[in-house]
Amino acid sequence: MSEKNNFSVTVVNSYSQALYELATENKSIDLIETQVNAVIELITQSSDFRLLIKDPTHTKDTQINVVNLIAEKFEFNELLKKFMNFLIIKRRFFNIKKILKDFLVICSNKRGEIHAKLTVGKKLNNQEIEKIKSELIQNFGSNIKLEYKYDPNLIGGLIIQIGSIMIDTSIKNKLQKIENKMIGA
């Protein structure tokens, strides 16, 4: 990893950790976490808001005014509004999505949740996802947070990743192994 990436990860973690500590001190962690999810959703859904974040030609005042309007409209906690304005003043607003996602990871880790990613080659209903989740809970612990993703490129099978453990039963993976053997022969 380059020095620039290390610096970026360190900066993101410092800010997200600070937000977590402030929210904990103010006993508003649950509210802030809910509102952080809303901000991430806004960033994902609104190209105008993404442009405001990423475009360095916007003045600090413009960015602060927009953030304050959004915070007022959606009744954001004062702490979150001030935090976002602080990022603008420090010229770190372009990293807001990474910082907020890292904040959510910190919150999840503090609750003792284990993150798992499930990628499958066919669409699953909620009952099937819950069945897989309950099997993971039996094997890994009682506090699993499962992220489900449908990927038709897998053709069939599934991929489960929990931390550094990966289980790949996808047909795509099996075909790749056969291809590698044929190339090596």
N, C-alpha and C. Protein backbone atom coordinates (compact mmCIF):
# COMPACT_ATOMS: atom_id res chain seq x y z
N MET A 1 0.85 -1.18 0.00
CA MET A 1 0.00 0.00 0.00
C MET A 1 0.89 1.23 0.00
N SER A 2 0.52 2.23 -0.78
CA SER A 2 1.36 3.43 -0.88
C SER A 2 1.21 4.29 0.37
N GLU A 3 2.17 5.22 0.53
CA GLU A 3 2.13 6.12 1.68
C GLU A 3 0.87 6.97 1.65
N LYS A 4 0.46 7.38 0.45
CA LYS A 4 -0.74 8.21 0.32
C LYS A 4 -1.96 7.45 0.82
N ASN A 5 -2.10 6.18 0.44
CA ASN A 5 -3.23 5.37 0.89
C ASN A 5 -3.19 5.16 2.40
N ASN A 6 -2.00 4.91 2.95
CA ASN A 6 -1.86 4.76 4.39
C ASN A 6 -2.31 6.02 5.11
N PHE A 7 -1.89 7.18 4.58
CA PHE A 7 -2.27 8.45 5.17
C PHE A 7 -3.78 8.61 5.11
N SER A 8 -4.36 8.31 3.97
CA SER A 8 -5.80 8.45 3.79
C SER A 8 -6.57 7.57 4.75
N VAL A 9 -6.15 6.31 4.91
CA VAL A 9 -6.81 5.39 5.83
C VAL A 9 -6.68 5.89 7.26
N THR A 10 -5.50 6.39 7.62
CA THR A 10 -5.26 6.90 8.97
C THR A 10 -6.14 8.12 9.24
N VAL A 11 -6.23 9.03 8.28
CA VAL A 11 -7.05 10.23 8.43
C VAL A 11 -8.52 9.85 8.57
N VAL A 12 -8.99 8.97 7.70
CA VAL A 12 -10.38 8.52 7.75
C VAL A 12 -10.68 7.92 9.12
N ASN A 13 -9.81 7.04 9.59
CA ASN A 13 -10.04 6.38 10.87
C ASN A 13 -10.00 7.37 12.03
N SER A 14 -9.11 8.36 11.96
CA SER A 14 -9.03 9.36 13.03
C SER A 14 -10.33 10.14 13.15
N TYR A 15 -10.86 10.57 12.02
CA TYR A 15 -12.11 11.34 12.04
C TYR A 15 -13.30 10.47 12.46
N SER A 16 -13.37 9.25 11.95
CA SER A 16 -14.50 8.39 12.31
C SER A 16 -14.44 8.01 13.79
N GLN A 17 -13.25 7.79 14.30
CA GLN A 17 -13.08 7.48 15.72
C GLN A 17 -13.49 8.68 16.57
N ALA A 18 -13.13 9.87 16.13
CA ALA A 18 -13.51 11.09 16.86
C ALA A 18 -15.03 11.24 16.90
N LEU A 19 -15.69 11.00 15.77
CA LEU A 19 -17.15 11.08 15.74
C LEU A 19 -17.76 10.05 16.68
N TYR A 20 -17.21 8.85 16.70
CA TYR A 20 -17.73 7.81 17.60
C TYR A 20 -17.59 8.25 19.06
N GLU A 21 -16.44 8.76 19.41
CA GLU A 21 -16.21 9.18 20.80
C GLU A 21 -17.11 10.34 21.20
N LEU A 22 -17.30 11.30 20.30
CA LEU A 22 -18.19 12.43 20.59
C LEU A 22 -19.64 11.96 20.75
N ALA A 23 -20.05 11.07 19.86
CA ALA A 23 -21.43 10.55 19.93
C ALA A 23 -21.64 9.75 21.22
N THR A 24 -20.63 9.01 21.63
CA THR A 24 -20.71 8.25 22.87
C THR A 24 -20.80 9.19 24.07
N GLU A 25 -19.95 10.20 24.08
CA GLU A 25 -19.97 11.19 25.17
C GLU A 25 -21.34 11.86 25.29
N ASN A 26 -21.94 12.15 24.15
CA ASN A 26 -23.24 12.84 24.12
C ASN A 26 -24.42 11.88 24.23
N LYS A 27 -24.12 10.60 24.42
CA LYS A 27 -25.16 9.57 24.55
C LYS A 27 -26.15 9.61 23.39
N SER A 28 -25.61 9.79 22.19
CA SER A 28 -26.46 9.87 21.00
C SER A 28 -25.97 8.94 19.89
N ILE A 29 -25.31 7.87 20.29
CA ILE A 29 -24.70 6.97 19.30
C ILE A 29 -25.74 6.36 18.37
N ASP A 30 -26.88 5.91 18.91
CA ASP A 30 -27.90 5.28 18.06
C ASP A 30 -28.48 6.26 17.06
N LEU A 31 -28.78 7.47 17.53
CA LEU A 31 -29.34 8.50 16.65
C LEU A 31 -28.33 8.89 15.57
N ILE A 32 -27.08 9.11 15.97
CA ILE A 32 -26.04 9.48 15.00
C ILE A 32 -25.86 8.36 13.98
N GLU A 33 -25.86 7.12 14.43
CA GLU A 33 -25.68 5.99 13.52
C GLU A 33 -26.81 5.95 12.49
N THR A 34 -28.04 6.17 12.92
CA THR A 34 -29.18 6.20 12.00
C THR A 34 -29.02 7.34 10.99
N GLN A 35 -28.62 8.50 11.48
CA GLN A 35 -28.47 9.66 10.60
C GLN A 35 -27.28 9.51 9.66
N VAL A 36 -26.23 8.87 10.12
CA VAL A 36 -25.07 8.60 9.25
C VAL A 36 -25.50 7.70 8.09
N ASN A 37 -26.32 6.69 8.37
CA ASN A 37 -26.85 5.85 7.30
C ASN A 37 -27.64 6.67 6.29
N ALA A 38 -28.41 7.65 6.78
CA ALA A 38 -29.19 8.52 5.90
C ALA A 38 -28.27 9.38 5.03
N VAL A 39 -27.19 9.89 5.60
CA VAL A 39 -26.25 10.71 4.83
C VAL A 39 -25.58 9.86 3.74
N ILE A 40 -25.17 8.65 4.09
CA ILE A 40 -24.56 7.75 3.10
C ILE A 40 -25.54 7.46 1.98
N GLU A 41 -26.80 7.24 2.33
CA GLU A 41 -27.84 7.00 1.32
C GLU A 41 -28.02 8.23 0.43
N LEU A 42 -27.98 9.42 1.02
CA LEU A 42 -28.08 10.66 0.25
C LEU A 42 -26.91 10.78 -0.73
N ILE A 43 -25.72 10.47 -0.26
CA ILE A 43 -24.54 10.53 -1.13
C ILE A 43 -24.70 9.55 -2.28
N THR A 44 -25.20 8.37 -1.99
CA THR A 44 -25.37 7.34 -3.01
C THR A 44 -26.44 7.74 -4.04
N GLN A 45 -27.53 8.33 -3.56
CA GLN A 45 -28.67 8.63 -4.43
C GLN A 45 -28.57 9.95 -5.18
N SER A 46 -27.90 10.95 -4.63
CA SER A 46 -27.92 12.29 -5.20
C SER A 46 -26.60 12.64 -5.90
N SER A 47 -26.65 12.73 -7.21
CA SER A 47 -25.45 13.11 -7.95
C SER A 47 -25.06 14.56 -7.65
N ASP A 48 -26.05 15.42 -7.38
CA ASP A 48 -25.74 16.81 -7.03
C ASP A 48 -24.96 16.90 -5.73
N PHE A 49 -25.38 16.11 -4.75
CA PHE A 49 -24.68 16.12 -3.45
C PHE A 49 -23.27 15.54 -3.61
N ARG A 50 -23.13 14.46 -4.41
CA ARG A 50 -21.80 13.89 -4.66
C ARG A 50 -20.89 14.93 -5.32
N LEU A 51 -21.45 15.69 -6.25
CA LEU A 51 -20.67 16.72 -6.93
C LEU A 51 -20.25 17.81 -5.95
N LEU A 52 -21.14 18.19 -5.05
CA LEU A 52 -20.81 19.18 -4.03
C LEU A 52 -19.64 18.70 -3.17
N ILE A 53 -19.64 17.41 -2.87
CA ILE A 53 -18.59 16.82 -2.02
C ILE A 53 -17.26 16.75 -2.77
N LYS A 54 -17.30 16.29 -4.00
CA LYS A 54 -16.06 15.99 -4.73
C LYS A 54 -15.45 17.17 -5.47
N ASP A 55 -16.27 18.15 -5.88
CA ASP A 55 -15.77 19.25 -6.69
C ASP A 55 -15.02 20.27 -5.81
N PRO A 56 -13.71 20.40 -6.00
CA PRO A 56 -12.92 21.30 -5.14
C PRO A 56 -13.16 22.78 -5.43
N THR A 57 -13.90 23.09 -6.49
CA THR A 57 -14.15 24.50 -6.81
C THR A 57 -15.26 25.11 -5.95
N HIS A 58 -16.05 24.27 -5.26
CA HIS A 58 -17.08 24.79 -4.37
C HIS A 58 -16.41 25.42 -3.15
N THR A 59 -16.89 26.58 -2.77
CA THR A 59 -16.32 27.25 -1.60
C THR A 59 -16.78 26.54 -0.33
N LYS A 60 -16.03 26.79 0.73
CA LYS A 60 -16.41 26.23 2.03
C LYS A 60 -17.79 26.74 2.43
N ASP A 61 -18.04 28.04 2.18
CA ASP A 61 -19.34 28.63 2.55
C ASP A 61 -20.49 27.94 1.82
N THR A 62 -20.31 27.66 0.54
CA THR A 62 -21.36 26.97 -0.23
C THR A 62 -21.62 25.59 0.36
N GLN A 63 -20.56 24.86 0.63
CA GLN A 63 -20.72 23.51 1.19
C GLN A 63 -21.39 23.56 2.57
N ILE A 64 -20.97 24.48 3.41
CA ILE A 64 -21.55 24.61 4.75
C ILE A 64 -23.02 24.97 4.66
N ASN A 65 -23.37 25.89 3.76
CA ASN A 65 -24.78 26.28 3.60
C ASN A 65 -25.64 25.10 3.18
N VAL A 66 -25.15 24.31 2.24
CA VAL A 66 -25.91 23.14 1.78
C VAL A 66 -26.05 22.11 2.91
N VAL A 67 -24.97 21.84 3.61
CA VAL A 67 -25.02 20.89 4.72
C VAL A 67 -25.99 21.36 5.79
N ASN A 68 -25.96 22.65 6.10
CA ASN A 68 -26.88 23.19 7.11
C ASN A 68 -28.33 23.07 6.67
N LEU A 69 -28.60 23.31 5.38
CA LEU A 69 -29.97 23.16 4.87
C LEU A 69 -30.43 21.70 4.97
N ILE A 70 -29.56 20.79 4.59
CA ILE A 70 -29.89 19.35 4.67
C ILE A 70 -30.11 18.95 6.12
N ALA A 71 -29.22 19.41 6.99
CA ALA A 71 -29.32 19.07 8.42
C ALA A 71 -30.62 19.60 9.02
N GLU A 72 -31.01 20.80 8.59
CA GLU A 72 -32.25 21.39 9.10
C GLU A 72 -33.46 20.63 8.56
N LYS A 73 -33.45 20.35 7.26
CA LYS A 73 -34.59 19.67 6.64
C LYS A 73 -34.81 18.28 7.23
N PHE A 74 -33.73 17.54 7.47
CA PHE A 74 -33.85 16.17 7.96
C PHE A 74 -33.66 16.07 9.48
N GLU A 75 -33.60 17.22 10.13
CA GLU A 75 -33.50 17.29 11.59
C GLU A 75 -32.33 16.48 12.14
N PHE A 76 -31.16 16.72 11.55
CA PHE A 76 -29.95 16.05 12.02
C PHE A 76 -29.59 16.51 13.42
N ASN A 77 -28.98 15.61 14.14
CA ASN A 77 -28.42 15.92 15.44
C ASN A 77 -27.38 17.03 15.25
N GLU A 78 -27.33 17.96 16.19
CA GLU A 78 -26.41 19.10 16.10
C GLU A 78 -24.95 18.63 16.00
N LEU A 79 -24.62 17.56 16.70
CA LEU A 79 -23.26 17.03 16.67
C LEU A 79 -22.87 16.60 15.26
N LEU A 80 -23.76 15.88 14.57
CA LEU A 80 -23.46 15.42 13.21
C LEU A 80 -23.32 16.62 12.27
N LYS A 81 -24.19 17.59 12.40
CA LYS A 81 -24.10 18.79 11.56
C LYS A 81 -22.76 19.50 11.78
N LYS A 82 -22.38 19.69 13.04
CA LYS A 82 -21.11 20.36 13.34
C LYS A 82 -19.92 19.54 12.84
N PHE A 83 -20.03 18.22 12.95
CA PHE A 83 -18.96 17.35 12.48
C PHE A 83 -18.78 17.51 10.96
N MET A 84 -19.88 17.49 10.24
CA MET A 84 -19.80 17.64 8.78
C MET A 84 -19.23 19.01 8.41
N ASN A 85 -19.64 20.05 9.13
CA ASN A 85 -19.09 21.38 8.88
C ASN A 85 -17.60 21.44 9.21
N PHE A 86 -17.20 20.75 10.25
CA PHE A 86 -15.78 20.69 10.61
C PHE A 86 -14.97 20.05 9.48
N LEU A 87 -15.51 18.98 8.88
CA LEU A 87 -14.82 18.34 7.76
C LEU A 87 -14.67 19.30 6.59
N ILE A 88 -15.68 20.12 6.37
CA ILE A 88 -15.61 21.11 5.29
C ILE A 88 -14.52 22.13 5.60
N ILE A 89 -14.50 22.64 6.81
CA ILE A 89 -13.51 23.66 7.20
C ILE A 89 -12.10 23.09 7.08
N LYS A 90 -11.90 21.84 7.47
CA LYS A 90 -10.59 21.20 7.40
C LYS A 90 -10.26 20.65 6.01
N ARG A 91 -11.16 20.88 5.06
CA ARG A 91 -11.00 20.41 3.68
C ARG A 91 -10.86 18.88 3.60
N ARG A 92 -11.66 18.19 4.39
CA ARG A 92 -11.69 16.73 4.38
C ARG A 92 -13.08 16.22 3.96
N PHE A 93 -13.92 17.14 3.49
CA PHE A 93 -15.30 16.77 3.16
C PHE A 93 -15.35 15.75 2.01
N PHE A 94 -14.35 15.78 1.13
CA PHE A 94 -14.31 14.83 0.02
C PHE A 94 -14.21 13.39 0.53
N ASN A 95 -13.79 13.20 1.77
CA ASN A 95 -13.68 11.87 2.38
C ASN A 95 -14.89 11.49 3.24
N ILE A 96 -15.97 12.27 3.19
CA ILE A 96 -17.10 12.09 4.09
C ILE A 96 -17.69 10.68 4.02
N LYS A 97 -17.84 10.14 2.84
CA LYS A 97 -18.47 8.81 2.72
C LYS A 97 -17.59 7.74 3.39
N LYS A 98 -16.28 7.79 3.14
CA LYS A 98 -15.37 6.83 3.76
C LYS A 98 -15.37 6.98 5.28
N ILE A 99 -15.38 8.22 5.75
CA ILE A 99 -15.36 8.49 7.19
C ILE A 99 -16.63 7.94 7.83
N LEU A 100 -17.77 8.20 7.21
CA LEU A 100 -19.04 7.75 7.79
C LEU A 100 -19.17 6.23 7.74
N LYS A 101 -18.70 5.61 6.66
CA LYS A 101 -18.73 4.14 6.59
C LYS A 101 -17.82 3.54 7.66
N ASP A 102 -16.66 4.14 7.87
CA ASP A 102 -15.75 3.66 8.90
C ASP A 102 -16.38 3.84 10.29
N PHE A 103 -17.10 4.94 10.48
CA PHE A 103 -17.82 5.16 11.73
C PHE A 103 -18.81 4.02 11.98
N LEU A 104 -19.53 3.60 10.95
CA LEU A 104 -20.49 2.50 11.10
C LEU A 104 -19.79 1.19 11.45
N VAL A 105 -18.61 0.98 10.88
CA VAL A 105 -17.82 -0.22 11.21
C VAL A 105 -17.40 -0.18 12.67
N ILE A 106 -16.97 0.98 13.14
CA ILE A 106 -16.58 1.13 14.55
C ILE A 106 -17.77 0.82 15.45
N CYS A 107 -18.93 1.37 15.13
CA CYS A 107 -20.14 1.11 15.93
C CYS A 107 -20.45 -0.39 15.96
N SER A 108 -20.37 -1.01 14.81
CA SER A 108 -20.66 -2.45 14.70
C SER A 108 -19.66 -3.26 15.51
N ASN A 109 -18.38 -2.92 15.40
CA ASN A 109 -17.34 -3.64 16.15
C ASN A 109 -17.53 -3.48 17.66
N LYS A 110 -17.92 -2.29 18.08
CA LYS A 110 -18.14 -2.05 19.52
C LYS A 110 -19.30 -2.89 20.04
N ARG A 111 -20.26 -3.21 19.18
CA ARG A 111 -21.38 -4.08 19.56
C ARG A 111 -21.01 -5.56 19.48
N GLY A 112 -19.79 -5.83 18.99
CA GLY A 112 -19.34 -7.21 18.89
C GLY A 112 -19.88 -7.95 17.68
N GLU A 113 -20.32 -7.22 16.68
CA GLU A 113 -20.85 -7.86 15.47
C GLU A 113 -19.72 -8.41 14.61
N ILE A 114 -19.99 -9.53 13.97
CA ILE A 114 -19.07 -10.13 13.01
C ILE A 114 -19.65 -9.87 11.63
N HIS A 115 -18.85 -9.32 10.72
CA HIS A 115 -19.33 -9.01 9.38
C HIS A 115 -19.10 -10.19 8.45
N ALA A 116 -20.13 -10.52 7.71
CA ALA A 116 -20.03 -11.60 6.73
C ALA A 116 -20.63 -11.10 5.42
N LYS A 117 -20.01 -11.50 4.32
CA LYS A 117 -20.52 -11.16 2.99
C LYS A 117 -20.95 -12.45 2.30
N LEU A 118 -22.16 -12.43 1.80
CA LEU A 118 -22.71 -13.57 1.08
C LEU A 118 -22.97 -13.14 -0.35
N THR A 119 -22.31 -13.78 -1.31
CA THR A 119 -22.52 -13.51 -2.72
C THR A 119 -23.00 -14.80 -3.36
N VAL A 120 -24.13 -14.71 -4.07
CA VAL A 120 -24.73 -15.92 -4.65
C VAL A 120 -25.05 -15.71 -6.12
N GLY A 121 -25.13 -16.85 -6.83
CA GLY A 121 -25.40 -16.84 -8.26
C GLY A 121 -26.88 -16.88 -8.60
N LYS A 122 -27.75 -16.92 -7.60
CA LYS A 122 -29.19 -16.84 -7.84
C LYS A 122 -29.80 -15.96 -6.76
N LYS A 123 -30.92 -15.36 -7.09
CA LYS A 123 -31.56 -14.48 -6.12
C LYS A 123 -32.17 -15.32 -5.00
N LEU A 124 -31.97 -14.86 -3.77
CA LEU A 124 -32.50 -15.54 -2.60
C LEU A 124 -33.61 -14.70 -1.98
N ASN A 125 -34.59 -15.39 -1.38
CA ASN A 125 -35.62 -14.66 -0.64
C ASN A 125 -35.14 -14.48 0.80
N ASN A 126 -35.88 -13.72 1.57
CA ASN A 126 -35.47 -13.42 2.96
C ASN A 126 -35.35 -14.67 3.81
N GLN A 127 -36.23 -15.64 3.58
CA GLN A 127 -36.19 -16.87 4.37
C GLN A 127 -34.89 -17.65 4.11
N GLU A 128 -34.47 -17.71 2.86
CA GLU A 128 -33.22 -18.40 2.52
C GLU A 128 -32.00 -17.68 3.11
N ILE A 129 -32.03 -16.35 3.06
CA ILE A 129 -30.93 -15.56 3.62
C ILE A 129 -30.86 -15.78 5.13
N GLU A 130 -32.01 -15.77 5.79
CA GLU A 130 -32.05 -15.98 7.24
C GLU A 130 -31.56 -17.38 7.61
N LYS A 131 -31.86 -18.38 6.78
CA LYS A 131 -31.40 -19.74 7.05
C LYS A 131 -29.87 -19.80 7.00
N ILE A 132 -29.28 -19.17 5.99
CA ILE A 132 -27.82 -19.12 5.88
C ILE A 132 -27.24 -18.36 7.07
N LYS A 133 -27.86 -17.26 7.42
CA LYS A 133 -27.39 -16.46 8.56
C LYS A 133 -27.43 -17.28 9.85
N SER A 134 -28.51 -18.03 10.06
CA SER A 134 -28.60 -18.83 11.30
C SER A 134 -27.54 -19.92 11.33
N GLU A 135 -27.20 -20.50 10.18
CA GLU A 135 -26.12 -21.49 10.13
C GLU A 135 -24.77 -20.85 10.44
N LEU A 136 -24.57 -19.63 9.95
CA LEU A 136 -23.32 -18.91 10.25
C LEU A 136 -23.25 -18.57 11.73
N ILE A 137 -24.38 -18.20 12.31
CA ILE A 137 -24.42 -17.89 13.75
C ILE A 137 -24.02 -19.12 14.56
N GLN A 138 -24.50 -20.30 14.16
CA GLN A 138 -24.14 -21.53 14.87
C GLN A 138 -22.64 -21.79 14.83
N ASN A 139 -22.00 -21.44 13.70
CA ASN A 139 -20.59 -21.74 13.53
C ASN A 139 -19.64 -20.63 14.00
N PHE A 140 -20.09 -19.37 13.94
CA PHE A 140 -19.17 -18.26 14.20
C PHE A 140 -19.55 -17.40 15.39
N GLY A 141 -20.74 -17.49 15.88
CA GLY A 141 -21.13 -16.65 17.01
C GLY A 141 -22.51 -16.07 16.81
N SER A 142 -22.99 -15.46 17.86
CA SER A 142 -24.39 -15.05 17.86
C SER A 142 -24.66 -13.67 17.28
N ASN A 143 -23.64 -12.95 16.89
CA ASN A 143 -23.86 -11.57 16.45
C ASN A 143 -23.29 -11.35 15.05
N ILE A 144 -23.90 -11.97 14.05
CA ILE A 144 -23.44 -11.87 12.66
C ILE A 144 -24.24 -10.80 11.93
N LYS A 145 -23.53 -9.95 11.22
CA LYS A 145 -24.17 -8.96 10.35
C LYS A 145 -23.87 -9.40 8.92
N LEU A 146 -24.91 -9.85 8.22
CA LEU A 146 -24.74 -10.46 6.90
C LEU A 146 -25.09 -9.46 5.80
N GLU A 147 -24.16 -9.30 4.87
CA GLU A 147 -24.37 -8.45 3.69
C GLU A 147 -24.60 -9.38 2.50
N TYR A 148 -25.77 -9.29 1.88
CA TYR A 148 -26.16 -10.17 0.78
C TYR A 148 -25.99 -9.46 -0.55
N LYS A 149 -25.43 -10.20 -1.54
CA LYS A 149 -25.27 -9.64 -2.87
C LYS A 149 -25.55 -10.73 -3.91
N TYR A 150 -26.35 -10.39 -4.89
CA TYR A 150 -26.64 -11.29 -6.01
C TYR A 150 -25.67 -10.98 -7.14
N ASP A 151 -24.97 -12.00 -7.65
CA ASP A 151 -24.03 -11.83 -8.75
C ASP A 151 -24.27 -12.93 -9.78
N PRO A 152 -24.97 -12.62 -10.86
CA PRO A 152 -25.28 -13.65 -11.87
C PRO A 152 -24.04 -14.22 -12.55
N ASN A 153 -22.90 -13.54 -12.46
CA ASN A 153 -21.66 -14.03 -13.07
C ASN A 153 -21.12 -15.28 -12.38
N LEU A 154 -21.60 -15.56 -11.17
CA LEU A 154 -21.13 -16.76 -10.46
C LEU A 154 -21.70 -18.04 -11.07
N ILE A 155 -22.73 -17.90 -11.88
CA ILE A 155 -23.44 -18.99 -12.54
C ILE A 155 -24.23 -19.81 -11.52
N GLY A 156 -23.61 -20.27 -10.48
CA GLY A 156 -24.27 -21.04 -9.43
C GLY A 156 -23.34 -21.11 -8.23
N GLY A 157 -23.84 -21.61 -7.12
CA GLY A 157 -23.04 -21.71 -5.91
C GLY A 157 -23.04 -20.41 -5.15
N LEU A 158 -22.09 -20.29 -4.21
CA LEU A 158 -22.04 -19.09 -3.38
C LEU A 158 -20.63 -18.84 -2.88
N ILE A 159 -20.44 -17.60 -2.43
CA ILE A 159 -19.19 -17.19 -1.79
C ILE A 159 -19.57 -16.56 -0.46
N ILE A 160 -18.95 -17.05 0.61
CA ILE A 160 -19.15 -16.46 1.92
C ILE A 160 -17.79 -16.00 2.41
N GLN A 161 -17.73 -14.75 2.85
CA GLN A 161 -16.49 -14.23 3.42
C GLN A 161 -16.76 -13.67 4.80
N ILE A 162 -16.04 -14.21 5.77
CA ILE A 162 -16.11 -13.72 7.15
C ILE A 162 -14.69 -13.41 7.57
N GLY A 163 -14.38 -12.12 7.65
CA GLY A 163 -13.01 -11.72 7.96
C GLY A 163 -12.07 -12.25 6.89
N SER A 164 -11.05 -13.00 7.29
CA SER A 164 -10.09 -13.56 6.33
C SER A 164 -10.49 -14.94 5.83
N ILE A 165 -11.61 -15.47 6.33
CA ILE A 165 -12.09 -16.79 5.91
C ILE A 165 -13.00 -16.64 4.70
N MET A 166 -12.69 -17.40 3.63
CA MET A 166 -13.53 -17.34 2.44
C MET A 166 -13.91 -18.76 2.02
N ILE A 167 -15.19 -18.95 1.81
CA ILE A 167 -15.72 -20.22 1.30
C ILE A 167 -16.28 -19.93 -0.07
N ASP A 168 -15.71 -20.56 -1.11
CA ASP A 168 -16.12 -20.29 -2.48
C ASP A 168 -16.55 -21.59 -3.15
N THR A 169 -17.85 -21.80 -3.29
CA THR A 169 -18.38 -23.00 -3.95
C THR A 169 -18.98 -22.64 -5.30
N SER A 170 -18.63 -21.47 -5.83
CA SER A 170 -19.23 -21.01 -7.08
C SER A 170 -18.73 -21.82 -8.27
N ILE A 171 -19.58 -21.97 -9.23
CA ILE A 171 -19.21 -22.67 -10.47
C ILE A 171 -18.15 -21.87 -11.21
N LYS A 172 -18.24 -20.56 -11.15
CA LYS A 172 -17.23 -19.71 -11.77
C LYS A 172 -15.84 -20.04 -11.24
N ASN A 173 -15.71 -20.22 -9.92
CA ASN A 173 -14.44 -20.55 -9.30
C ASN A 173 -13.97 -21.94 -9.75
N LYS A 174 -14.88 -22.90 -9.81
CA LYS A 174 -14.52 -24.25 -10.25
C LYS A 174 -14.04 -24.25 -11.70
N LEU A 175 -14.73 -23.48 -12.57
CA LEU A 175 -14.31 -23.38 -13.96
C LEU A 175 -12.93 -22.72 -14.07
N GLN A 176 -12.68 -21.72 -13.23
CA GLN A 176 -11.39 -21.05 -13.23
C GLN A 176 -10.27 -22.01 -12.84
N LYS A 177 -10.53 -22.88 -11.85
CA LYS A 177 -9.53 -23.87 -11.43
C LYS A 177 -9.25 -24.87 -12.56
N ILE A 178 -10.29 -25.30 -13.26
CA ILE A 178 -10.11 -26.23 -14.39
C ILE A 178 -9.30 -25.55 -15.48
N GLU A 179 -9.61 -24.31 -15.79
CA GLU A 179 -8.87 -23.57 -16.80
C GLU A 179 -7.40 -23.44 -16.42
N ASN A 180 -7.12 -23.15 -15.15
CA ASN A 180 -5.73 -23.02 -14.69
C ASN A 180 -4.99 -24.34 -14.82
N LYS A 181 -5.66 -25.46 -14.53
CA LYS A 181 -5.03 -26.78 -14.67
C LYS A 181 -4.72 -27.07 -16.13
N MET A 182 -5.64 -26.70 -17.03
CA MET A 182 -5.46 -26.95 -18.46
C MET A 182 -4.30 -26.12 -19.01
N ILE A 183 -4.19 -24.89 -18.54
CA ILE A 183 -3.10 -24.01 -18.99
C ILE A 183 -1.77 -24.55 -18.48
N GLY A 184 -1.77 -25.07 -17.25
CA GLY A 184 -0.54 -25.59 -16.64
C GLY A 184 -0.11 -26.92 -17.23
N ALA A 185 -0.99 -27.63 -17.94
CA ALA A 185 -0.67 -28.96 -18.45
C ALA A 185 0.13 -28.93 -19.70
